[in-house]
């Protein structure tokens, strides 16, 4: 049963989205000039697309005969691996705090 992981996925996606909203509230569109904010923006967009758009469409197409569309959308879900790069951000923060 993957329910706890789904709940955590929604929770962390909400946290990253909220953080981005705070960045844009504080700095406006200039927040994207920060490369880490731009990186987070890409990750959040891919997360929202994968979780709330592509995955439900794939679930709806499960019993349909349109295999090419299913294969295309499943290929897009591979982009979720990009979210692993969030670890790079955490490591960067650990290095910054280590110097403090």
Protein backbone atom coordinates (compact mmCIF):
# COMPACT_ATOMS: atom_id res chain seq x y z
CA UNK A 1 0.00 0.00 0.00
CA UNK A 2 1.54 3.30 -1.10
CA UNK A 3 -0.89 5.60 0.70
CA UNK A 4 1.64 7.03 3.22
CA UNK A 5 4.00 7.87 0.36
CA UNK A 6 1.23 9.58 -1.58
CA UNK A 7 0.34 11.65 1.47
CA UNK A 8 3.99 12.63 1.92
CA UNK A 9 4.27 13.49 -1.75
CA UNK A 10 1.29 15.85 -1.52
CA UNK A 11 2.62 17.35 1.72
CA UNK A 12 6.10 18.08 0.34
CA UNK A 13 4.71 19.40 -2.92
CA UNK A 14 2.54 21.76 -0.89
CA UNK A 15 5.58 22.86 1.18
CA UNK A 16 7.68 23.59 -1.91
CA UNK A 17 4.80 25.43 -3.55
CA UNK A 18 4.27 27.50 -0.43
CA UNK A 19 7.98 28.32 -0.28
CA UNK A 20 7.90 29.46 -3.91
CA UNK A 21 4.88 31.65 -3.18
CA UNK A 22 6.78 33.27 -0.33
CA UNK A 23 9.79 33.90 -2.59
CA UNK A 24 7.58 35.55 -5.22
CA UNK A 25 5.72 37.55 -2.57
CA UNK A 26 8.99 38.85 -1.12
CA UNK A 27 10.97 39.43 -4.34
CA UNK A 28 8.41 39.54 -7.13
CA UNK A 29 9.40 38.16 -10.51
CA UNK A 30 13.01 38.94 -9.66
CA UNK A 31 13.05 35.84 -7.47
CA UNK A 32 13.64 33.75 -10.59
CA UNK A 33 17.05 35.40 -10.95
CA UNK A 34 18.19 33.22 -8.07
CA UNK A 35 19.21 29.92 -9.70
CA UNK A 36 17.95 27.84 -6.75
CA UNK A 37 14.53 29.46 -6.92
CA UNK A 38 14.39 28.81 -10.67
CA UNK A 39 15.40 25.21 -9.99
CA UNK A 40 12.67 24.86 -7.35
CA UNK A 41 10.17 26.36 -9.78
CA UNK A 42 11.01 23.71 -12.38
CA UNK A 43 10.71 20.94 -9.78
CA UNK A 44 7.37 22.21 -8.52
CA UNK A 45 5.97 22.53 -12.04
CA UNK A 46 7.06 18.96 -12.87
CA UNK A 47 5.64 17.77 -9.54
CA UNK A 48 2.27 19.39 -10.15
CA UNK A 49 2.13 18.13 -13.74
CA UNK A 50 3.02 14.60 -12.72
CA UNK A 51 0.87 14.35 -9.62
CA UNK A 52 -2.27 16.24 -10.55
CA UNK A 53 -2.44 16.02 -14.34
CA UNK A 54 -0.49 13.15 -15.93
CA UNK A 55 -1.04 10.49 -13.26
CA UNK A 56 -4.86 10.91 -13.15
CA UNK A 57 -5.00 10.84 -16.95
CA UNK A 58 -2.94 7.64 -16.97
CA UNK A 59 -5.25 6.10 -14.39
CA UNK A 60 -8.24 7.04 -16.56
CA UNK A 61 -6.63 5.48 -19.64
CA UNK A 62 -5.79 2.22 -17.88
CA UNK A 63 -8.52 0.24 -19.61
CA UNK A 64 -8.55 2.11 -22.90
CA UNK A 65 -6.90 0.79 -26.03
CA UNK A 66 -4.82 3.91 -26.69
CA UNK A 67 -1.37 2.45 -25.94
CA UNK A 68 0.63 5.18 -27.71
CA UNK A 69 -0.86 7.92 -25.53
CA UNK A 70 -0.29 5.83 -22.40
CA UNK A 71 3.34 5.26 -23.39
CA UNK A 72 3.89 8.95 -24.04
CA UNK A 73 2.42 10.01 -20.72
CA UNK A 74 4.30 7.28 -18.86
CA UNK A 75 7.50 8.61 -20.44
CA UNK A 76 6.72 12.02 -19.02
CA UNK A 77 6.48 10.51 -15.56
CA UNK A 78 10.15 9.60 -15.87
CA UNK A 79 10.78 13.32 -15.41
CA UNK A 80 9.85 12.77 -11.77
CA UNK A 81 13.40 11.56 -11.32
CA UNK A 82 14.46 15.18 -11.69
CA UNK A 83 12.97 15.70 -8.24
CA UNK A 84 15.90 13.76 -6.83
CA UNK A 85 17.92 16.86 -7.52
CA UNK A 86 16.25 18.39 -4.49
CA UNK A 87 18.91 16.51 -2.60
CA UNK A 88 21.47 18.83 -4.19
CA UNK A 89 19.71 21.75 -2.59
CA UNK A 90 19.68 20.08 0.82
CA UNK A 91 23.38 19.26 0.54
CA UNK A 92 24.11 22.85 -0.44
CA UNK A 93 22.28 24.09 2.64
CA UNK A 94 24.18 21.65 4.84
CA UNK A 95 27.47 23.01 3.50
CA UNK A 96 26.38 26.61 4.12
CA UNK A 97 25.31 25.86 7.69
CA UNK A 98 28.53 23.92 8.33
CA UNK A 99 30.55 27.10 7.70
CA UNK A 100 28.43 29.02 10.22
